[in-house]
PDB file of N, CA and C in Angstrom:
ATOM      1  N   MET A   1       1.090  13.452   2.715  1.00  0.00           N
ATOM      2  CA  MET A   1       2.267  13.498   1.934  1.00  0.00           C
ATOM      3  C   MET A   1       1.795  12.621   0.665  1.00  0.00           C
ATOM      4  N   LEU A   2       1.880  13.013  -0.558  1.00  0.00           N
ATOM      5  CA  LEU A   2       1.601  12.134  -1.527  1.00  0.00           C
ATOM      6  C   LEU A   2       3.106  11.549  -1.909  1.00  0.00           C
ATOM      7  N   VAL A   3       2.919  10.257  -2.355  1.00  0.00           N
ATOM      8  CA  VAL A   3       4.129   9.463  -2.791  1.00  0.00           C
ATOM      9  C   VAL A   3       3.834   9.052  -4.216  1.00  0.00           C
ATOM     10  N   ASP A   4       4.883   9.193  -5.136  1.00  0.00           N
ATOM     11  CA  ASP A   4       4.752   8.731  -6.352  1.00  0.00           C
ATOM     12  C   ASP A   4       4.267   7.334  -6.519  1.00  0.00           C
ATOM     13  N   ASP A   5       3.288   7.015  -7.607  1.00  0.00           N
ATOM     14  CA  ASP A   5       2.840   5.569  -7.676  1.00  0.00           C
ATOM     15  C   ASP A   5       3.968   4.694  -7.939  1.00  0.00           C
ATOM     16  N   ASP A   6       5.224   5.141  -8.520  1.00  0.00           N
ATOM     17  CA  ASP A   6       6.287   4.296  -8.666  1.00  0.00           C
ATOM     18  C   ASP A   6       7.463   4.381  -7.568  1.00  0.00           C
ATOM     19  N   HIS A   7       7.036   4.991  -6.546  1.00  0.00           N
ATOM     20  CA  HIS A   7       7.947   5.082  -5.537  1.00  0.00           C
ATOM     21  C   HIS A   7       8.335   3.668  -4.854  1.00  0.00           C
ATOM     22  N   PRO A   8       9.431   3.236  -4.819  1.00  0.00           N
ATOM     23  CA  PRO A   8       9.872   1.861  -4.495  1.00  0.00           C
ATOM     24  C   PRO A   8       9.313   1.340  -3.253  1.00  0.00           C
ATOM     25  N   TYR A   9       8.736   2.039  -2.396  1.00  0.00           N
ATOM     26  CA  TYR A   9       8.049   1.538  -1.112  1.00  0.00           C
ATOM     27  C   TYR A   9       6.588   1.545  -1.165  1.00  0.00           C
ATOM     28  N   VAL A  10       5.926   1.968  -2.126  1.00  0.00           N
ATOM     29  CA  VAL A  10       4.479   1.912  -2.232  1.00  0.00           C
ATOM     30  C   VAL A  10       4.137   0.425  -2.766  1.00  0.00           C
ATOM     31  N   GLY A  11       3.095  -0.112  -2.070  1.00  0.00           N
ATOM     32  CA  GLY A  11       2.535  -1.466  -2.431  1.00  0.00           C
ATOM     33  C   GLY A  11       2.289  -2.173  -1.130  1.00  0.00           C
ATOM     34  N   MET A  12       2.200  -3.550  -1.205  1.00  0.00           N
ATOM     35  CA  MET A  12       1.818  -4.413  -0.065  1.00  0.00           C
ATOM     36  C   MET A  12       3.010  -5.009   0.434  1.00  0.00           C
ATOM     37  N   TRP A  13       3.019  -4.769   1.752  1.00  0.00           N
ATOM     38  CA  TRP A  13       4.020  -5.450   2.615  1.00  0.00           C
ATOM     39  C   TRP A  13       3.391  -6.521   3.448  1.00  0.00           C
ATOM     40  N   ILE A  14       4.066  -7.572   3.683  1.00  0.00           N
ATOM     41  CA  ILE A  14       3.427  -8.753   4.458  1.00  0.00           C
ATOM     42  C   ILE A  14       4.336  -9.498   5.213  1.00  0.00           C
ATOM     43  N   THR A  15       4.074  -9.837   6.490  1.00  0.00           N
ATOM     44  CA  THR A  15       4.891 -10.612   7.275  1.00  0.00           C
ATOM     45  C   THR A  15       5.025 -12.001   6.737  1.00  0.00           C
ATOM     46  N   GLU A  16       6.103 -12.795   7.252  1.00  0.00           N
ATOM     47  CA  GLU A  16       6.476 -13.986   6.656  1.00  0.00           C
ATOM     48  C   GLU A  16       5.277 -14.961   6.712  1.00  0.00           C
ATOM     49  N   ASP A  17       4.431 -14.933   7.791  1.00  0.00           N
ATOM     50  CA  ASP A  17       3.361 -15.871   7.952  1.00  0.00           C
ATOM     51  C   ASP A  17       2.117 -15.458   7.246  1.00  0.00           C
ATOM     52  N   GLY A  18       2.070 -14.102   6.654  1.00  0.00           N
ATOM     53  CA  GLY A  18       0.809 -13.555   5.995  1.00  0.00           C
ATOM     54  C   GLY A  18      -0.120 -13.036   6.894  1.00  0.00           C
ATOM     55  N   TYR A  19      -0.041 -13.078   8.297  1.00  0.00           N
ATOM     56  CA  TYR A  19      -0.951 -12.687   9.188  1.00  0.00           C
ATOM     57  C   TYR A  19      -1.103 -11.210   9.187  1.00  0.00           C
ATOM     58  N   ILE A  20      -0.061 -10.469   8.869  1.00  0.00           N
ATOM     59  CA  ILE A  20      -0.225  -8.975   8.888  1.00  0.00           C
ATOM     60  C   ILE A  20       0.176  -8.487   7.468  1.00  0.00           C
ATOM     61  N   ARG A  21      -0.747  -7.681   6.932  1.00  0.00           N
ATOM     62  CA  ARG A  21      -0.644  -7.169   5.413  1.00  0.00           C
ATOM     63  C   ARG A  21      -0.747  -5.559   5.573  1.00  0.00           C
ATOM     64  N   GLN A  22       0.221  -4.996   5.293  1.00  0.00           N
ATOM     65  CA  GLN A  22       0.224  -3.481   5.191  1.00  0.00           C
ATOM     66  C   GLN A  22       0.393  -2.891   3.864  1.00  0.00           C
ATOM     67  N   GLU A  23      -0.583  -2.203   3.507  1.00  0.00           N
ATOM     68  CA  GLU A  23      -0.574  -1.600   2.026  1.00  0.00           C
ATOM     69  C   GLU A  23      -0.192  -0.143   2.195  1.00  0.00           C
ATOM     70  N   LEU A  24       0.918   0.210   1.520  1.00  0.00           N
ATOM     71  CA  LEU A  24       1.305   1.764   1.513  1.00  0.00           C
ATOM     72  C   LEU A  24       0.816   2.195   0.232  1.00  0.00           C
ATOM     73  N   LEU A  25      -0.183   3.094   0.342  1.00  0.00           N
ATOM     74  CA  LEU A  25      -0.884   3.710  -0.700  1.00  0.00           C
ATOM     75  C   LEU A  25      -0.171   4.845  -1.356  1.00  0.00           C
ATOM     76  N   PRO A  26      -0.269   5.191  -2.627  1.00  0.00           N
ATOM     77  CA  PRO A  26       0.511   6.253  -3.111  1.00  0.00           C
ATOM     78  C   PRO A  26       0.007   7.751  -2.686  1.00  0.00           C
ATOM     79  N   ASP A  27      -1.291   7.691  -2.034  1.00  0.00           N
ATOM     80  CA  ASP A  27      -1.797   8.997  -1.550  1.00  0.00           C
ATOM     81  C   ASP A  27      -1.325   9.289  -0.144  1.00  0.00           C
ATOM     82  N   GLY A  28      -0.341   8.607   0.494  1.00  0.00           N
ATOM     83  CA  GLY A  28       0.162   8.737   1.820  1.00  0.00           C
ATOM     84  C   GLY A  28      -0.630   8.189   2.913  1.00  0.00           C
ATOM     85  N   ARG A  29      -1.558   7.183   2.554  1.00  0.00           N
ATOM     86  CA  ARG A  29      -2.261   6.604   3.558  1.00  0.00           C
ATOM     87  C   ARG A  29      -1.782   5.190   3.373  1.00  0.00           C
ATOM     88  N   TYR A  30      -1.960   4.476   4.655  1.00  0.00           N
ATOM     89  CA  TYR A  30      -1.889   2.973   4.755  1.00  0.00           C
ATOM     90  C   TYR A  30      -2.931   2.283   5.239  1.00  0.00           C
ATOM     91  N   ASP A  31      -3.062   0.980   4.889  1.00  0.00           N
ATOM     92  CA  ASP A  31      -4.284   0.290   5.216  1.00  0.00           C
ATOM     93  C   ASP A  31      -3.588  -1.166   5.733  1.00  0.00           C
ATOM     94  N   GLU A  32      -3.765  -1.617   7.256  1.00  0.00           N
ATOM     95  CA  GLU A  32      -3.173  -2.657   7.642  1.00  0.00           C
ATOM     96  C   GLU A  32      -4.302  -3.710   8.069  1.00  0.00           C
ATOM     97  N   ALA A  33      -4.142  -4.894   7.565  1.00  0.00           N
ATOM     98  CA  ALA A  33      -5.014  -6.057   7.909  1.00  0.00           C
ATOM     99  C   ALA A  33      -4.309  -7.028   8.790  1.00  0.00           C
ATOM    100  N   ARG A  34      -5.093  -7.488   9.653  1.00  0.00           N
ATOM    101  CA  ARG A  34      -4.491  -8.626  10.545  1.00  0.00           C
ATOM    102  C   ARG A  34      -5.438  -9.782  10.656  1.00  0.00           C
ATOM    103  N   GLY A  35      -4.767 -10.902  10.230  1.00  0.00           N
ATOM    104  CA  GLY A  35      -5.665 -11.999  10.105  1.00  0.00           C
ATOM    105  C   GLY A  35      -6.801 -11.929   9.090  1.00  0.00           C
ATOM    106  N   ASP A  36      -8.099 -12.305   9.503  1.00  0.00           N
ATOM    107  CA  ASP A  36      -9.226 -11.889   8.652  1.00  0.00           C
ATOM    108  C   ASP A  36      -9.913 -10.562   8.933  1.00  0.00           C
ATOM    109  N   ARG A  37      -9.220  -9.746   9.812  1.00  0.00           N
ATOM    110  CA  ARG A  37      -9.648  -8.410  10.106  1.00  0.00           C
ATOM    111  C   ARG A  37      -9.294  -7.459   9.010  1.00  0.00           C
ATOM    112  N   GLU A  38      -9.879  -7.071   8.136  1.00  0.00           N
ATOM    113  CA  GLU A  38      -9.446  -6.032   7.227  1.00  0.00           C
ATOM    114  C   GLU A  38      -9.434  -4.653   7.727  1.00  0.00           C
ATOM    115  N   SER A  39      -8.490  -3.871   7.166  1.00  0.00           N
ATOM    116  CA  SER A  39      -8.502  -2.394   7.749  1.00  0.00           C
ATOM    117  C   SER A  39      -8.343  -2.420   9.233  1.00  0.00           C
ATOM    118  N   ALA A  40      -7.727  -3.262   9.940  1.00  0.00           N
ATOM    119  CA  ALA A  40      -7.570  -3.172  11.358  1.00  0.00           C
ATOM    120  C   ALA A  40      -6.949  -1.934  11.821  1.00  0.00           C
ATOM    121  N   TYR A  41      -5.989  -1.262  11.037  1.00  0.00           N
ATOM    122  CA  TYR A  41      -5.413  -0.106  11.296  1.00  0.00           C
ATOM    123  C   TYR A  41      -5.251   0.685  10.004  1.00  0.00           C
ATOM    124  N   THR A  42      -5.723   2.028  10.043  1.00  0.00           N
ATOM    125  CA  THR A  42      -5.577   2.780   8.858  1.00  0.00           C
ATOM    126  C   THR A  42      -4.964   4.072   9.406  1.00  0.00           C
ATOM    127  N   GLY A  43      -4.177   4.930   8.565  1.00  0.00           N
ATOM    128  CA  GLY A  43      -3.739   6.206   8.805  1.00  0.00           C
ATOM    129  C   GLY A  43      -2.917   6.685   7.784  1.00  0.00           C
ATOM    130  N   ASP A  44      -2.136   7.606   8.166  1.00  0.00           N
ATOM    131  CA  ASP A  44      -1.114   8.416   7.198  1.00  0.00           C
ATOM    132  C   ASP A  44       0.240   7.919   7.441  1.00  0.00           C
ATOM    133  N   TYR A  45       1.040   8.010   6.425  1.00  0.00           N
ATOM    134  CA  TYR A  45       2.495   7.717   6.636  1.00  0.00           C
ATOM    135  C   TYR A  45       3.224   8.811   5.707  1.00  0.00           C
ATOM    136  N   MET A  46       4.448   8.778   6.229  1.00  0.00           N
ATOM    137  CA  MET A  46       5.545   9.752   5.544  1.00  0.00           C
ATOM    138  C   MET A  46       6.769   9.025   5.514  1.00  0.00           C
ATOM    139  N   ILE A  47       7.530   9.174   4.438  1.00  0.00           N
ATOM    140  CA  ILE A  47       8.808   8.497   4.126  1.00  0.00           C
ATOM    141  C   ILE A  47       9.788   9.508   3.848  1.00  0.00           C
ATOM    142  N   GLU A  48      10.870   9.492   4.696  1.00  0.00           N
ATOM    143  CA  GLU A  48      12.086  10.265   4.516  1.00  0.00           C
ATOM    144  C   GLU A  48      13.221   9.372   4.414  1.00  0.00           C
ATOM    145  N   GLY A  49      13.818   9.303   3.133  1.00  0.00           N
ATOM    146  CA  GLY A  49      14.916   8.414   2.818  1.00  0.00           C
ATOM    147  C   GLY A  49      14.552   6.991   3.098  1.00  0.00           C
ATOM    148  N   ASN A  50      15.007   6.313   4.026  1.00  0.00           N
ATOM    149  CA  ASN A  50      14.720   4.845   4.307  1.00  0.00           C
ATOM    150  C   ASN A  50      13.881   4.695   5.605  1.00  0.00           C
ATOM    151  N   GLN A  51      13.365   5.892   6.211  1.00  0.00           N
ATOM    152  CA  GLN A  51      12.507   5.961   7.306  1.00  0.00           C
ATOM    153  C   GLN A  51      11.108   5.995   6.891  1.00  0.00           C
ATOM    154  N   ILE A  52      10.338   5.410   7.643  1.00  0.00           N
ATOM    155  CA  ILE A  52       8.713   5.649   7.479  1.00  0.00           C
ATOM    156  C   ILE A  52       8.162   6.000   8.852  1.00  0.00           C
ATOM    157  N   TYR A  53       7.440   6.862   8.889  1.00  0.00           N
ATOM    158  CA  TYR A  53       6.771   7.407   9.969  1.00  0.00           C
ATOM    159  C   TYR A  53       5.086   7.200   9.838  1.00  0.00           C
ATOM    160  N   TYR A  54       4.489   6.729  10.806  1.00  0.00           N
ATOM    161  CA  TYR A  54       3.158   6.467  10.752  1.00  0.00           C
ATOM    162  C   TYR A  54       2.311   7.213  11.742  1.00  0.00           C
ATOM    163  N   GLU A  55       1.126   7.614  11.439  1.00  0.00           N
ATOM    164  CA  GLU A  55       0.095   8.245  12.350  1.00  0.00           C
ATOM    165  C   GLU A  55      -1.246   7.594  11.965  1.00  0.00           C
ATOM    166  N   ASP A  56      -1.685   6.718  12.995  1.00  0.00           N
ATOM    167  CA  ASP A  56      -2.770   6.076  12.596  1.00  0.00           C
ATOM    168  C   ASP A  56      -4.020   6.966  12.847  1.00  0.00           C
ATOM    169  N   ASP A  57      -5.300   6.604  12.434  1.00  0.00           N
ATOM    170  CA  ASP A  57      -6.394   7.445  12.582  1.00  0.00           C
ATOM    171  C   ASP A  57      -6.791   7.783  13.964  1.00  0.00           C
ATOM    172  N   THR A  58      -6.242   6.907  15.026  1.00  0.00           N
ATOM    173  CA  THR A  58      -6.539   7.377  16.460  1.00  0.00           C
ATOM    174  C   THR A  58      -5.560   8.261  16.957  1.00  0.00           C
ATOM    175  N   GLY A  59      -4.458   8.600  16.286  1.00  0.00           N
ATOM    176  CA  GLY A  59      -3.588   9.469  16.811  1.00  0.00           C
ATOM    177  C   GLY A  59      -2.294   8.653  17.237  1.00  0.00           C
ATOM    178  N   PHE A  60      -2.269   7.454  17.242  1.00  0.00           N
ATOM    179  CA  PHE A  60      -1.002   6.621  17.639  1.00  0.00           C
ATOM    180  C   PHE A  60      -0.002   6.888  16.518  1.00  0.00           C
ATOM    181  N   SER A  61       1.288   7.002  16.995  1.00  0.00           N
ATOM    182  CA  SER A  61       2.421   7.077  16.087  1.00  0.00           C
ATOM    183  C   SER A  61       3.456   5.992  16.157  1.00  0.00           C
ATOM    184  N   ALA A  62       4.094   5.749  15.051  1.00  0.00           N
ATOM    185  CA  ALA A  62       5.162   4.672  15.047  1.00  0.00           C
ATOM    186  C   ALA A  62       6.022   4.976  13.932  1.00  0.00           C
ATOM    187  N   ASP A  63       7.069   4.201  13.957  1.00  0.00           N
ATOM    188  CA  ASP A  63       8.165   4.570  12.873  1.00  0.00           C
ATOM    189  C   ASP A  63       8.672   3.118  12.424  1.00  0.00           C
ATOM    190  N   GLY A  64       9.474   3.138  11.352  1.00  0.00           N
ATOM    191  CA  GLY A  64       9.997   1.915  10.843  1.00  0.00           C
ATOM    192  C   GLY A  64      11.214   2.215   9.918  1.00  0.00           C
ATOM    193  N   GLU A  65      11.850   1.194   9.359  1.00  0.00           N
ATOM    194  CA  GLU A  65      13.010   1.531   8.595  1.00  0.00           C
ATOM    195  C   GLU A  65      12.971   0.306   7.446  1.00  0.00           C
ATOM    196  N   PHE A  66      13.395   0.816   6.215  1.00  0.00           N
ATOM    197  CA  PHE A  66      13.534  -0.105   5.085  1.00  0.00           C
ATOM    198  C   PHE A  66      15.025  -0.380   5.064  1.00  0.00           C
ATOM    199  N   ARG A  67      15.380  -1.598   4.960  1.00  0.00           N
ATOM    200  CA  ARG A  67      16.781  -2.203   4.805  1.00  0.00           C
ATOM    201  C   ARG A  67      16.692  -3.242   3.827  1.00  0.00           C
ATOM    202  N   ASP A  68      17.487  -3.185   2.830  1.00  0.00           N
ATOM    203  CA  ASP A  68      17.612  -4.199   1.843  1.00  0.00           C
ATOM    204  C   ASP A  68      16.355  -4.835   1.424  1.00  0.00           C
ATOM    205  N   ASP A  69      15.292  -3.761   1.125  1.00  0.00           N
ATOM    206  CA  ASP A  69      14.098  -4.160   0.538  1.00  0.00           C
ATOM    207  C   ASP A  69      13.197  -4.937   1.518  1.00  0.00           C
ATOM    208  N   VAL A  70      13.344  -4.735   2.751  1.00  0.00           N
ATOM    209  CA  VAL A  70      12.620  -5.340   4.019  1.00  0.00           C
ATOM    210  C   VAL A  70      12.260  -4.193   4.921  1.00  0.00           C
ATOM    211  N   LEU A  71      10.941  -4.145   5.288  1.00  0.00           N
ATOM    212  CA  LEU A  71      10.528  -3.102   6.215  1.00  0.00           C
ATOM    213  C   LEU A  71      10.466  -3.748   7.518  1.00  0.00           C
ATOM    214  N   TYR A  72      11.231  -2.986   8.583  1.00  0.00           N
ATOM    215  CA  TYR A  72      11.257  -3.448   9.862  1.00  0.00           C
ATOM    216  C   TYR A  72      10.462  -2.239  10.743  1.00  0.00           C
ATOM    217  N   HIS A  73       9.389  -2.732  11.323  1.00  0.00           N
ATOM    218  CA  HIS A  73       8.348  -1.762  11.948  1.00  0.00           C
ATOM    219  C   HIS A  73       7.654  -2.362  13.224  1.00  0.00           C
ATOM    220  N   ALA A  74       8.000  -1.805  14.321  1.00  0.00           N
ATOM    221  CA  ALA A  74       7.340  -2.343  15.659  1.00  0.00           C
ATOM    222  C   ALA A  74       7.741  -3.743  15.931  1.00  0.00           C
ATOM    223  N   GLY A  75       8.962  -4.034  15.833  1.00  0.00           N
ATOM    224  CA  GLY A  75       9.316  -5.497  16.134  1.00  0.00           C
ATOM    225  C   GLY A  75       8.950  -6.572  15.072  1.00  0.00           C
ATOM    226  N   MET A  76       8.334  -5.982  14.010  1.00  0.00           N
ATOM    227  CA  MET A  76       7.901  -7.029  12.838  1.00  0.00           C
ATOM    228  C   MET A  76       8.769  -6.724  11.685  1.00  0.00           C
ATOM    229  N   VAL A  77       8.780  -7.885  10.970  1.00  0.00           N
ATOM    230  CA  VAL A  77       9.476  -7.724   9.670  1.00  0.00           C
ATOM    231  C   VAL A  77       8.505  -7.962   8.566  1.00  0.00           C
ATOM    232  N   PHE A  78       8.540  -7.144   7.644  1.00  0.00           N
ATOM    233  CA  PHE A  78       7.638  -7.099   6.417  1.00  0.00           C
ATOM    234  C   PHE A  78       8.503  -7.377   5.104  1.00  0.00           C
ATOM    235  N   TYR A  79       7.844  -8.115   4.186  1.00  0.00           N
ATOM    236  CA  TYR A  79       8.398  -8.358   2.820  1.00  0.00           C
ATOM    237  C   TYR A  79       7.326  -7.917   1.958  1.00  0.00           C
ATOM    238  N   ARG A  80       8.051  -7.475   0.731  1.00  0.00           N
ATOM    239  CA  ARG A  80       7.075  -7.299  -0.357  1.00  0.00           C
ATOM    240  C   ARG A  80       6.129  -8.577  -0.672  1.00  0.00           C
ATOM    241  N   GLU A  81       4.901  -8.329  -0.883  1.00  0.00           N
ATOM    242  CA  GLU A  81       4.070  -9.493  -1.079  1.00  0.00           C
ATOM    243  C   GLU A  81       4.560 -10.414  -2.150  1.00  0.00           C
ATOM    244  N   GLU A  82       5.085  -9.925  -3.245  1.00  0.00           N
ATOM    245  CA  GLU A  82       5.559 -10.614  -4.435  1.00  0.00           C
ATOM    246  C   GLU A  82       6.807 -11.523  -4.133  1.00  0.00           C
ATOM    247  N   ASP A  83       7.548 -10.973  -2.966  1.00  0.00           N
ATOM    248  CA  ASP A  83       8.801 -11.590  -2.724  1.00  0.00           C
ATOM    249  C   ASP A  83       8.729 -12.745  -1.560  1.00  0.00           C
ATOM    250  N   ARG A  84       7.516 -12.832  -1.044  1.00  0.00           N
ATOM    251  CA  ARG A  84       7.290 -13.732  -0.064  1.00  0.00           C
ATOM    252  C   ARG A  84       7.347 -15.200  -0.475  1.00  0.00           C
TER     253      ARG A  84
END
């Protein structure tokens, strides 16, 4: 699913400690880095309202929710990179 470049959720999301960085790309792909391991997880995502659904390239799926410009996903909390 393509997401507009100016969609409010496209961009870099990062945990408070900076260890996990998840980039939501406008082409419906995501790229997640962990520590110094770039592209630790990659796959597709889809956004419906404030919900996000992931399917990584190995077939694993997960979901998350955006609330008050914060992303909650798999027990983690992500902030926009520029807001951290």
